[in-house]
Amino acid sequence: MEAIVLSGLPAAGKTTVGEMLCRKLGFKLVGGGDILKEMAADRGFKVTGKEWWDTQEGIKFAKEREGNSNFDKEVDRRLADKIAGGNVVVTSYTAPWITEAGFKVWLEGSLARRTERMAKRDGTDIEDMKEVIKIRDVENKKLYKSLYNIDYGKDLSPFDLIVNTNDIQPEKVAEIIIKKYEEKNGKR
């Protein structure tokens, strides 16, 4: 099980913690969002920057992909292949439910803390960002319910570990994950 799969609502810390895990473990970071962005670019969208999903283009693509489940299913197929190949940290909304492989971690975060993080990261107004996050939360939950019948954010049964990131620095979150990952894999 040489893969770690991070999931959680937007701005719970998946990418930040994933990058730290990769540095410490020598793994490669692979994000479902990155693969979706590649697919969006193939369809003519102007994909720019890490926070593309929070732009009007990103929201437009998210709306377009709602009507075509092939986008997400292709991303998930590619992610499952990467997880099976090992030596990766994957950030994904759905991978924990669609593959048996990997050490699966749910990163929990309140709406208030996630809003603060995203507003700081993007340099935007907190109230505006709160609305963006609310929309993304609702749209993601609706999408994954329709695609896979996942109760996203409620059904945490696939996870080996749940970490509330509200009041813990990302470095500490990474340490907790590595410790539990190594214990599960008999490395401690």
N, C-alpha and C. Protein backbone atom coordinates (compact mmCIF):
# COMPACT_ATOMS: atom_id res chain seq x y z
N MET A 1 0.84 -1.18 0.00
CA MET A 1 0.00 0.00 0.00
C MET A 1 0.89 1.24 0.00
N GLU A 2 1.62 1.46 -1.06
CA GLU A 2 2.54 2.58 -1.15
C GLU A 2 1.89 3.79 -1.78
N ALA A 3 0.70 4.12 -1.33
CA ALA A 3 0.00 5.31 -1.82
C ALA A 3 -0.83 5.87 -0.68
N ILE A 4 -0.91 7.20 -0.64
CA ILE A 4 -1.76 7.89 0.32
C ILE A 4 -2.77 8.69 -0.48
N VAL A 5 -4.04 8.56 -0.12
CA VAL A 5 -5.11 9.25 -0.81
C VAL A 5 -5.75 10.24 0.17
N LEU A 6 -5.69 11.53 -0.18
CA LEU A 6 -6.26 12.58 0.66
C LEU A 6 -7.57 13.06 0.07
N SER A 7 -8.59 13.17 0.89
CA SER A 7 -9.87 13.70 0.45
C SER A 7 -10.38 14.66 1.50
N GLY A 8 -11.37 15.45 1.12
CA GLY A 8 -11.96 16.43 2.03
C GLY A 8 -12.59 17.53 1.21
N LEU A 9 -13.39 18.35 1.84
CA LEU A 9 -14.05 19.46 1.16
C LEU A 9 -13.01 20.49 0.70
N PRO A 10 -13.37 21.39 -0.23
CA PRO A 10 -12.43 22.39 -0.70
C PRO A 10 -11.80 23.19 0.45
N ALA A 11 -10.48 23.40 0.34
CA ALA A 11 -9.68 24.19 1.29
C ALA A 11 -9.53 23.53 2.67
N ALA A 12 -9.69 22.21 2.73
CA ALA A 12 -9.45 21.49 3.99
C ALA A 12 -7.96 21.25 4.21
N GLY A 13 -7.15 21.43 3.16
CA GLY A 13 -5.70 21.28 3.28
C GLY A 13 -5.10 20.17 2.45
N LYS A 14 -5.86 19.60 1.53
CA LYS A 14 -5.39 18.45 0.76
C LYS A 14 -4.08 18.71 0.02
N THR A 15 -4.03 19.77 -0.73
CA THR A 15 -2.83 20.04 -1.53
C THR A 15 -1.64 20.42 -0.66
N THR A 16 -1.84 21.28 0.31
CA THR A 16 -0.75 21.70 1.20
C THR A 16 -0.16 20.50 1.93
N VAL A 17 -1.02 19.70 2.52
CA VAL A 17 -0.55 18.51 3.26
C VAL A 17 0.04 17.50 2.28
N GLY A 18 -0.58 17.34 1.12
CA GLY A 18 -0.06 16.42 0.11
C GLY A 18 1.36 16.77 -0.31
N GLU A 19 1.63 18.05 -0.52
CA GLU A 19 2.98 18.48 -0.89
C GLU A 19 3.99 18.15 0.21
N MET A 20 3.60 18.35 1.46
CA MET A 20 4.48 18.03 2.59
C MET A 20 4.74 16.53 2.67
N LEU A 21 3.71 15.74 2.48
CA LEU A 21 3.87 14.28 2.51
C LEU A 21 4.83 13.83 1.42
N CYS A 22 4.70 14.41 0.25
CA CYS A 22 5.57 14.03 -0.88
C CYS A 22 7.03 14.36 -0.57
N ARG A 23 7.26 15.53 -0.01
CA ARG A 23 8.65 15.89 0.35
C ARG A 23 9.23 14.92 1.38
N LYS A 24 8.43 14.53 2.35
CA LYS A 24 8.92 13.67 3.42
C LYS A 24 9.07 12.21 2.99
N LEU A 25 8.19 11.75 2.10
CA LEU A 25 8.18 10.34 1.70
C LEU A 25 8.85 10.08 0.35
N GLY A 26 9.13 11.14 -0.40
CA GLY A 26 9.70 10.96 -1.73
C GLY A 26 8.70 10.48 -2.76
N PHE A 27 7.43 10.71 -2.50
CA PHE A 27 6.36 10.33 -3.41
C PHE A 27 6.08 11.47 -4.38
N LYS A 28 5.29 11.18 -5.41
CA LYS A 28 4.84 12.18 -6.37
C LYS A 28 3.42 12.59 -6.01
N LEU A 29 3.11 13.89 -6.14
CA LEU A 29 1.76 14.38 -5.88
C LEU A 29 0.95 14.36 -7.18
N VAL A 30 -0.24 13.75 -7.10
CA VAL A 30 -1.14 13.69 -8.24
C VAL A 30 -2.51 14.14 -7.76
N GLY A 31 -3.08 15.12 -8.45
CA GLY A 31 -4.39 15.63 -8.06
C GLY A 31 -5.44 15.37 -9.11
N GLY A 32 -6.61 14.99 -8.66
CA GLY A 32 -7.72 14.81 -9.58
C GLY A 32 -8.03 16.10 -10.31
N GLY A 33 -7.89 17.22 -9.61
CA GLY A 33 -8.12 18.51 -10.23
C GLY A 33 -7.14 18.78 -11.36
N ASP A 34 -5.90 18.34 -11.21
CA ASP A 34 -4.91 18.54 -12.27
C ASP A 34 -5.28 17.78 -13.54
N ILE A 35 -5.75 16.56 -13.35
CA ILE A 35 -6.16 15.76 -14.52
C ILE A 35 -7.40 16.38 -15.16
N LEU A 36 -8.34 16.86 -14.34
CA LEU A 36 -9.52 17.52 -14.89
C LEU A 36 -9.14 18.79 -15.64
N LYS A 37 -8.16 19.53 -15.12
CA LYS A 37 -7.70 20.75 -15.81
C LYS A 37 -7.12 20.41 -17.18
N GLU A 38 -6.37 19.33 -17.26
CA GLU A 38 -5.84 18.89 -18.56
C GLU A 38 -6.99 18.62 -19.53
N MET A 39 -8.01 17.97 -19.03
CA MET A 39 -9.15 17.66 -19.87
C MET A 39 -9.91 18.94 -20.25
N ALA A 40 -9.97 19.91 -19.34
CA ALA A 40 -10.62 21.19 -19.65
C ALA A 40 -9.85 21.93 -20.74
N ALA A 41 -8.53 21.93 -20.62
CA ALA A 41 -7.70 22.60 -21.63
C ALA A 41 -7.90 21.95 -23.00
N ASP A 42 -8.03 20.63 -23.01
CA ASP A 42 -8.29 19.92 -24.27
C ASP A 42 -9.61 20.37 -24.90
N ARG A 43 -10.54 20.85 -24.07
CA ARG A 43 -11.85 21.30 -24.56
C ARG A 43 -11.85 22.80 -24.87
N GLY A 44 -10.68 23.45 -24.75
CA GLY A 44 -10.59 24.86 -25.14
C GLY A 44 -10.69 25.87 -24.01
N PHE A 45 -10.80 25.40 -22.77
CA PHE A 45 -10.82 26.33 -21.65
C PHE A 45 -9.42 26.88 -21.41
N LYS A 46 -9.34 28.13 -20.97
CA LYS A 46 -8.06 28.76 -20.65
C LYS A 46 -7.74 28.49 -19.18
N VAL A 47 -7.02 27.41 -18.95
CA VAL A 47 -6.71 26.96 -17.60
C VAL A 47 -5.41 27.61 -17.14
N THR A 48 -5.52 28.45 -16.12
CA THR A 48 -4.33 29.14 -15.61
C THR A 48 -4.33 29.13 -14.09
N GLY A 49 -3.18 28.86 -13.51
CA GLY A 49 -3.01 28.97 -12.07
C GLY A 49 -3.61 27.84 -11.26
N LYS A 50 -3.09 27.74 -10.04
CA LYS A 50 -3.54 26.70 -9.12
C LYS A 50 -5.00 26.86 -8.73
N GLU A 51 -5.46 28.11 -8.60
CA GLU A 51 -6.80 28.38 -8.10
C GLU A 51 -7.82 28.54 -9.23
N TRP A 52 -7.54 27.92 -10.36
CA TRP A 52 -8.41 28.05 -11.53
C TRP A 52 -9.86 27.70 -11.23
N TRP A 53 -10.09 26.74 -10.37
CA TRP A 53 -11.46 26.30 -10.08
C TRP A 53 -12.31 27.41 -9.49
N ASP A 54 -11.69 28.41 -8.88
CA ASP A 54 -12.42 29.49 -8.24
C ASP A 54 -12.68 30.66 -9.19
N THR A 55 -12.24 30.54 -10.44
CA THR A 55 -12.47 31.59 -11.44
C THR A 55 -13.79 31.33 -12.17
N GLN A 56 -14.23 32.31 -12.93
CA GLN A 56 -15.46 32.13 -13.72
C GLN A 56 -15.30 30.99 -14.73
N GLU A 57 -14.10 30.87 -15.35
CA GLU A 57 -13.83 29.78 -16.29
C GLU A 57 -13.97 28.42 -15.59
N GLY A 58 -13.38 28.33 -14.38
CA GLY A 58 -13.44 27.08 -13.63
C GLY A 58 -14.85 26.70 -13.25
N ILE A 59 -15.62 27.69 -12.82
CA ILE A 59 -17.02 27.44 -12.45
C ILE A 59 -17.82 27.04 -13.69
N LYS A 60 -17.53 27.70 -14.83
CA LYS A 60 -18.21 27.36 -16.09
C LYS A 60 -17.92 25.91 -16.49
N PHE A 61 -16.64 25.50 -16.38
CA PHE A 61 -16.29 24.12 -16.71
C PHE A 61 -16.98 23.14 -15.77
N ALA A 62 -17.02 23.49 -14.48
CA ALA A 62 -17.68 22.62 -13.50
C ALA A 62 -19.15 22.42 -13.88
N LYS A 63 -19.79 23.49 -14.31
CA LYS A 63 -21.20 23.39 -14.74
C LYS A 63 -21.32 22.50 -15.99
N GLU A 64 -20.39 22.68 -16.94
CA GLU A 64 -20.42 21.89 -18.17
C GLU A 64 -20.22 20.41 -17.88
N ARG A 65 -19.32 20.13 -16.97
CA ARG A 65 -19.01 18.73 -16.69
C ARG A 65 -20.13 18.04 -15.93
N GLU A 66 -21.01 18.82 -15.29
CA GLU A 66 -22.17 18.24 -14.60
C GLU A 66 -23.00 17.36 -15.54
N GLY A 67 -23.09 17.79 -16.79
CA GLY A 67 -23.91 17.06 -17.74
C GLY A 67 -23.19 15.91 -18.42
N ASN A 68 -21.91 15.69 -18.08
CA ASN A 68 -21.15 14.64 -18.76
C ASN A 68 -20.29 13.88 -17.74
N SER A 69 -20.80 12.79 -17.27
CA SER A 69 -20.11 12.01 -16.24
C SER A 69 -18.81 11.39 -16.74
N ASN A 70 -18.61 11.38 -18.05
CA ASN A 70 -17.37 10.80 -18.58
C ASN A 70 -16.14 11.55 -18.11
N PHE A 71 -16.25 12.86 -17.88
CA PHE A 71 -15.11 13.64 -17.39
C PHE A 71 -14.59 13.03 -16.08
N ASP A 72 -15.49 12.95 -15.11
CA ASP A 72 -15.08 12.50 -13.78
C ASP A 72 -14.71 11.03 -13.76
N LYS A 73 -15.42 10.24 -14.51
CA LYS A 73 -15.09 8.81 -14.53
C LYS A 73 -13.73 8.56 -15.15
N GLU A 74 -13.36 9.35 -16.16
CA GLU A 74 -12.03 9.22 -16.76
C GLU A 74 -10.95 9.66 -15.76
N VAL A 75 -11.19 10.75 -15.06
CA VAL A 75 -10.24 11.20 -14.04
C VAL A 75 -10.07 10.11 -12.99
N ASP A 76 -11.17 9.58 -12.51
CA ASP A 76 -11.12 8.56 -11.47
C ASP A 76 -10.40 7.30 -11.95
N ARG A 77 -10.61 6.93 -13.20
CA ARG A 77 -9.91 5.76 -13.76
C ARG A 77 -8.41 6.01 -13.75
N ARG A 78 -8.01 7.20 -14.18
CA ARG A 78 -6.57 7.53 -14.20
C ARG A 78 -5.99 7.58 -12.79
N LEU A 79 -6.74 8.13 -11.86
CA LEU A 79 -6.25 8.20 -10.48
C LEU A 79 -6.12 6.81 -9.86
N ALA A 80 -7.08 5.94 -10.11
CA ALA A 80 -7.01 4.57 -9.59
C ALA A 80 -5.76 3.87 -10.12
N ASP A 81 -5.43 4.11 -11.38
CA ASP A 81 -4.20 3.53 -11.96
C ASP A 81 -2.96 4.06 -11.25
N LYS A 82 -2.94 5.35 -10.96
CA LYS A 82 -1.79 5.96 -10.27
C LYS A 82 -1.66 5.40 -8.86
N ILE A 83 -2.77 5.27 -8.17
CA ILE A 83 -2.75 4.73 -6.80
C ILE A 83 -2.23 3.30 -6.82
N ALA A 84 -2.72 2.50 -7.74
CA ALA A 84 -2.28 1.11 -7.85
C ALA A 84 -0.79 1.02 -8.16
N GLY A 85 -0.27 2.01 -8.90
CA GLY A 85 1.15 2.03 -9.23
C GLY A 85 2.05 2.37 -8.06
N GLY A 86 1.50 3.04 -7.05
CA GLY A 86 2.23 3.35 -5.83
C GLY A 86 3.16 4.54 -5.91
N ASN A 87 3.78 4.82 -4.76
CA ASN A 87 4.70 5.94 -4.59
C ASN A 87 4.08 7.27 -4.96
N VAL A 88 2.80 7.44 -4.62
CA VAL A 88 2.09 8.68 -4.90
C VAL A 88 1.27 9.11 -3.69
N VAL A 89 1.05 10.41 -3.63
CA VAL A 89 0.02 10.99 -2.77
C VAL A 89 -0.99 11.55 -3.74
N VAL A 90 -2.22 11.09 -3.64
CA VAL A 90 -3.28 11.53 -4.53
C VAL A 90 -4.27 12.38 -3.74
N THR A 91 -4.59 13.55 -4.29
CA THR A 91 -5.66 14.36 -3.72
C THR A 91 -6.86 14.17 -4.63
N SER A 92 -7.96 13.72 -4.05
CA SER A 92 -9.12 13.39 -4.86
C SER A 92 -10.38 13.46 -4.02
N TYR A 93 -11.44 13.93 -4.63
CA TYR A 93 -12.72 13.92 -3.94
C TYR A 93 -13.29 12.51 -3.87
N THR A 94 -13.09 11.69 -4.91
CA THR A 94 -13.82 10.42 -5.00
C THR A 94 -12.98 9.15 -4.88
N ALA A 95 -11.68 9.23 -5.09
CA ALA A 95 -10.85 8.02 -5.13
C ALA A 95 -11.03 7.10 -3.92
N PRO A 96 -11.20 7.63 -2.71
CA PRO A 96 -11.36 6.71 -1.58
C PRO A 96 -12.54 5.75 -1.70
N TRP A 97 -13.54 6.14 -2.43
CA TRP A 97 -14.72 5.29 -2.59
C TRP A 97 -14.63 4.35 -3.78
N ILE A 98 -13.75 4.64 -4.73
CA ILE A 98 -13.77 3.85 -5.97
C ILE A 98 -12.59 2.90 -6.12
N THR A 99 -11.64 2.94 -5.18
CA THR A 99 -10.54 1.99 -5.23
C THR A 99 -10.27 1.46 -3.84
N GLU A 100 -9.87 0.21 -3.79
CA GLU A 100 -9.53 -0.41 -2.51
C GLU A 100 -8.11 -0.04 -2.08
N ALA A 101 -7.28 0.34 -3.03
CA ALA A 101 -5.86 0.58 -2.77
C ALA A 101 -5.64 1.91 -2.06
N GLY A 102 -4.50 2.00 -1.38
CA GLY A 102 -4.07 3.25 -0.77
C GLY A 102 -4.49 3.40 0.68
N PHE A 103 -3.74 4.23 1.38
CA PHE A 103 -4.04 4.64 2.76
C PHE A 103 -4.88 5.90 2.63
N LYS A 104 -6.11 5.85 3.09
CA LYS A 104 -7.08 6.91 2.81
C LYS A 104 -7.29 7.81 4.02
N VAL A 105 -7.17 9.13 3.77
CA VAL A 105 -7.27 10.13 4.83
C VAL A 105 -8.32 11.17 4.46
N TRP A 106 -9.26 11.40 5.37
CA TRP A 106 -10.23 12.47 5.22
C TRP A 106 -9.74 13.66 6.04
N LEU A 107 -9.60 14.81 5.38
CA LEU A 107 -9.23 16.04 6.05
C LEU A 107 -10.51 16.85 6.27
N GLU A 108 -10.83 17.04 7.53
CA GLU A 108 -12.06 17.74 7.94
C GLU A 108 -11.74 19.19 8.23
N GLY A 109 -12.63 20.09 7.85
CA GLY A 109 -12.45 21.50 8.16
C GLY A 109 -13.79 22.22 8.13
N SER A 110 -13.97 23.14 9.07
CA SER A 110 -15.22 23.88 9.14
C SER A 110 -15.33 24.86 7.97
N LEU A 111 -16.54 25.28 7.68
CA LEU A 111 -16.76 26.26 6.62
C LEU A 111 -15.98 27.54 6.92
N ALA A 112 -16.00 27.98 8.16
CA ALA A 112 -15.30 29.22 8.53
C ALA A 112 -13.80 29.13 8.27
N ARG A 113 -13.16 28.05 8.71
CA ARG A 113 -11.70 27.91 8.53
C ARG A 113 -11.35 27.71 7.06
N ARG A 114 -12.16 26.93 6.35
CA ARG A 114 -11.89 26.71 4.93
C ARG A 114 -12.02 28.03 4.16
N THR A 115 -13.01 28.83 4.53
CA THR A 115 -13.21 30.14 3.89
C THR A 115 -12.00 31.03 4.16
N GLU A 116 -11.54 31.09 5.40
CA GLU A 116 -10.37 31.90 5.74
C GLU A 116 -9.15 31.48 4.92
N ARG A 117 -8.92 30.18 4.85
CA ARG A 117 -7.77 29.67 4.09
C ARG A 117 -7.85 30.07 2.61
N MET A 118 -9.01 29.83 2.01
CA MET A 118 -9.14 30.09 0.59
C MET A 118 -9.07 31.59 0.29
N ALA A 119 -9.66 32.41 1.13
CA ALA A 119 -9.63 33.86 0.93
C ALA A 119 -8.19 34.37 1.05
N LYS A 120 -7.47 33.87 2.03
CA LYS A 120 -6.06 34.27 2.21
C LYS A 120 -5.22 33.81 1.01
N ARG A 121 -5.41 32.56 0.63
CA ARG A 121 -4.67 31.99 -0.49
C ARG A 121 -4.92 32.76 -1.78
N ASP A 122 -6.18 33.11 -2.03
CA ASP A 122 -6.55 33.77 -3.28
C ASP A 122 -6.52 35.29 -3.20
N GLY A 123 -6.32 35.83 -1.98
CA GLY A 123 -6.30 37.28 -1.82
C GLY A 123 -7.65 37.91 -2.11
N THR A 124 -8.72 37.25 -1.66
CA THR A 124 -10.07 37.74 -1.92
C THR A 124 -10.82 38.00 -0.63
N ASP A 125 -11.97 38.62 -0.76
CA ASP A 125 -12.84 38.96 0.36
C ASP A 125 -13.42 37.68 0.99
N ILE A 126 -13.44 37.63 2.30
CA ILE A 126 -13.93 36.44 3.01
C ILE A 126 -15.39 36.15 2.68
N GLU A 127 -16.22 37.17 2.68
CA GLU A 127 -17.66 36.93 2.41
C GLU A 127 -17.88 36.42 0.98
N ASP A 128 -17.14 36.98 0.02
CA ASP A 128 -17.26 36.49 -1.35
C ASP A 128 -16.81 35.03 -1.44
N MET A 129 -15.71 34.72 -0.78
CA MET A 129 -15.17 33.36 -0.82
C MET A 129 -16.09 32.38 -0.11
N LYS A 130 -16.75 32.82 0.92
CA LYS A 130 -17.70 31.95 1.63
C LYS A 130 -18.79 31.47 0.67
N GLU A 131 -19.27 32.37 -0.19
CA GLU A 131 -20.29 31.99 -1.16
C GLU A 131 -19.73 31.00 -2.19
N VAL A 132 -18.50 31.22 -2.64
CA VAL A 132 -17.85 30.30 -3.59
C VAL A 132 -17.75 28.91 -2.98
N ILE A 133 -17.29 28.84 -1.74
CA ILE A 133 -17.14 27.53 -1.08
C ILE A 133 -18.49 26.86 -0.90
N LYS A 134 -19.49 27.61 -0.51
CA LYS A 134 -20.83 27.02 -0.35
C LYS A 134 -21.31 26.41 -1.67
N ILE A 135 -21.10 27.15 -2.77
CA ILE A 135 -21.51 26.64 -4.08
C ILE A 135 -20.73 25.37 -4.41
N ARG A 136 -19.42 25.40 -4.21
CA ARG A 136 -18.61 24.22 -4.52
C ARG A 136 -19.01 23.03 -3.66
N ASP A 137 -19.26 23.26 -2.38
CA ASP A 137 -19.68 22.16 -1.49
C ASP A 137 -20.96 21.51 -2.01
N VAL A 138 -21.95 22.32 -2.33
CA VAL A 138 -23.24 21.80 -2.79
C VAL A 138 -23.08 21.08 -4.13
N GLU A 139 -22.38 21.72 -5.06
CA GLU A 139 -22.21 21.13 -6.39
C GLU A 139 -21.43 19.81 -6.33
N ASN A 140 -20.35 19.78 -5.54
CA ASN A 140 -19.57 18.55 -5.41
C ASN A 140 -20.41 17.42 -4.82
N LYS A 141 -21.12 17.71 -3.75
CA LYS A 141 -21.95 16.68 -3.11
C LYS A 141 -23.00 16.15 -4.09
N LYS A 142 -23.62 17.05 -4.82
CA LYS A 142 -24.64 16.65 -5.80
C LYS A 142 -24.02 15.79 -6.90
N LEU A 143 -22.88 16.21 -7.41
CA LEU A 143 -22.21 15.49 -8.49
C LEU A 143 -21.83 14.07 -8.06
N TYR A 144 -21.19 13.92 -6.90
CA TYR A 144 -20.70 12.61 -6.49
C TYR A 144 -21.84 11.69 -6.06
N LYS A 145 -22.94 12.27 -5.63
CA LYS A 145 -24.13 11.47 -5.34
C LYS A 145 -24.68 10.89 -6.65
N SER A 146 -24.73 11.74 -7.69
CA SER A 146 -25.29 11.27 -8.96
C SER A 146 -24.35 10.31 -9.69
N LEU A 147 -23.03 10.53 -9.59
CA LEU A 147 -22.08 9.66 -10.29
C LEU A 147 -21.91 8.30 -9.63
N TYR A 148 -21.74 8.31 -8.30
CA TYR A 148 -21.35 7.08 -7.60
C TYR A 148 -22.23 6.75 -6.39
N ASN A 149 -23.26 7.55 -6.17
CA ASN A 149 -24.10 7.39 -4.99
C ASN A 149 -23.31 7.53 -3.69
N ILE A 150 -22.35 8.45 -3.70
CA ILE A 150 -21.53 8.75 -2.52
C ILE A 150 -22.20 9.85 -1.73
N ASP A 151 -22.31 9.66 -0.42
CA ASP A 151 -22.76 10.73 0.48
C ASP A 151 -21.52 11.49 0.92
N TYR A 152 -21.03 12.33 0.01
CA TYR A 152 -19.75 13.01 0.19
C TYR A 152 -19.79 13.92 1.43
N GLY A 153 -18.80 13.72 2.28
CA GLY A 153 -18.71 14.48 3.51
C GLY A 153 -19.47 13.85 4.66
N LYS A 154 -20.29 12.86 4.37
CA LYS A 154 -21.06 12.16 5.41
C LYS A 154 -20.59 10.72 5.58
N ASP A 155 -20.45 10.01 4.46
CA ASP A 155 -19.99 8.62 4.50
C ASP A 155 -18.47 8.62 4.55
N LEU A 156 -17.92 8.40 5.73
CA LEU A 156 -16.47 8.38 5.89
C LEU A 156 -15.96 6.95 6.10
N SER A 157 -16.77 5.97 5.75
CA SER A 157 -16.40 4.56 5.96
C SER A 157 -15.15 4.11 5.21
N PRO A 158 -14.79 4.67 4.04
CA PRO A 158 -13.59 4.18 3.36
C PRO A 158 -12.27 4.60 4.01
N PHE A 159 -12.31 5.51 4.98
CA PHE A 159 -11.08 6.15 5.45
C PHE A 159 -10.39 5.40 6.59
N ASP A 160 -9.05 5.37 6.47
CA ASP A 160 -8.19 4.80 7.51
C ASP A 160 -7.95 5.81 8.62
N LEU A 161 -8.08 7.09 8.29
CA LEU A 161 -7.76 8.15 9.24
C LEU A 161 -8.59 9.39 8.91
N ILE A 162 -9.09 10.06 9.95
CA ILE A 162 -9.79 11.33 9.81
C ILE A 162 -9.05 12.35 10.66
N VAL A 163 -8.68 13.49 10.05
CA VAL A 163 -7.95 14.53 10.77
C VAL A 163 -8.69 15.85 10.60
N ASN A 164 -9.04 16.47 11.73
CA ASN A 164 -9.64 17.79 11.70
C ASN A 164 -8.52 18.81 11.60
N THR A 165 -8.50 19.57 10.51
CA THR A 165 -7.40 20.50 10.23
C THR A 165 -7.66 21.92 10.73
N ASN A 166 -8.77 22.14 11.42
CA ASN A 166 -9.13 23.49 11.84
C ASN A 166 -8.03 24.20 12.63
N ASP A 167 -7.50 23.54 13.62
CA ASP A 167 -6.55 24.19 14.54
C ASP A 167 -5.20 23.51 14.58
N ILE A 168 -4.86 22.77 13.53
CA ILE A 168 -3.57 22.07 13.46
C ILE A 168 -2.81 22.59 12.26
N GLN A 169 -1.55 22.91 12.45
CA GLN A 169 -0.71 23.36 11.35
C GLN A 169 -0.52 22.20 10.35
N PRO A 170 -0.38 22.51 9.07
CA PRO A 170 -0.22 21.46 8.06
C PRO A 170 0.95 20.51 8.34
N GLU A 171 2.04 21.01 8.89
CA GLU A 171 3.19 20.15 9.21
C GLU A 171 2.81 19.07 10.21
N LYS A 172 2.00 19.45 11.20
CA LYS A 172 1.55 18.49 12.21
C LYS A 172 0.58 17.47 11.59
N VAL A 173 -0.28 17.94 10.70
CA VAL A 173 -1.21 17.03 10.00
C VAL A 173 -0.41 15.99 9.23
N ALA A 174 0.63 16.44 8.51
CA ALA A 174 1.48 15.51 7.75
C ALA A 174 2.15 14.51 8.68
N GLU A 175 2.64 14.96 9.82
CA GLU A 175 3.28 14.05 10.80
C GLU A 175 2.30 12.99 11.28
N ILE A 176 1.07 13.40 11.60
CA ILE A 176 0.05 12.46 12.06
C ILE A 176 -0.22 11.41 10.98
N ILE A 177 -0.35 11.86 9.75
CA ILE A 177 -0.63 10.93 8.64
C ILE A 177 0.51 9.95 8.44
N ILE A 178 1.74 10.44 8.42
CA ILE A 178 2.89 9.55 8.22
C ILE A 178 2.98 8.52 9.33
N LYS A 179 2.77 8.94 10.57
CA LYS A 179 2.84 8.01 11.70
C LYS A 179 1.80 6.89 11.53
N LYS A 180 0.56 7.25 11.23
CA LYS A 180 -0.51 6.25 11.07
C LYS A 180 -0.29 5.38 9.82
N TYR A 181 0.18 6.01 8.76
CA TYR A 181 0.48 5.28 7.52
C TYR A 181 1.55 4.23 7.76
N GLU A 182 2.62 4.62 8.45
CA GLU A 182 3.71 3.67 8.73
C GLU A 182 3.28 2.58 9.69
N GLU A 183 2.46 2.93 10.67
CA GLU A 183 1.93 1.91 11.60
C GLU A 183 1.10 0.89 10.84
N LYS A 184 0.24 1.36 9.95
CA LYS A 184 -0.62 0.45 9.19
C LYS A 184 0.20 -0.45 8.26
N ASN A 185 1.30 0.06 7.75
CA ASN A 185 2.14 -0.68 6.82
C ASN A 185 3.29 -1.40 7.52
N GLY A 186 3.27 -1.45 8.85
CA GLY A 186 4.28 -2.19 9.60
C GLY A 186 5.68 -1.61 9.50
N LYS A 187 5.77 -0.31 9.34
CA LYS A 187 7.08 0.31 9.21
C LYS A 187 7.57 0.93 10.51
N ARG A 188 6.80 0.81 11.58
CA ARG A 188 7.21 1.33 12.90
C ARG A 188 7.18 0.24 13.90
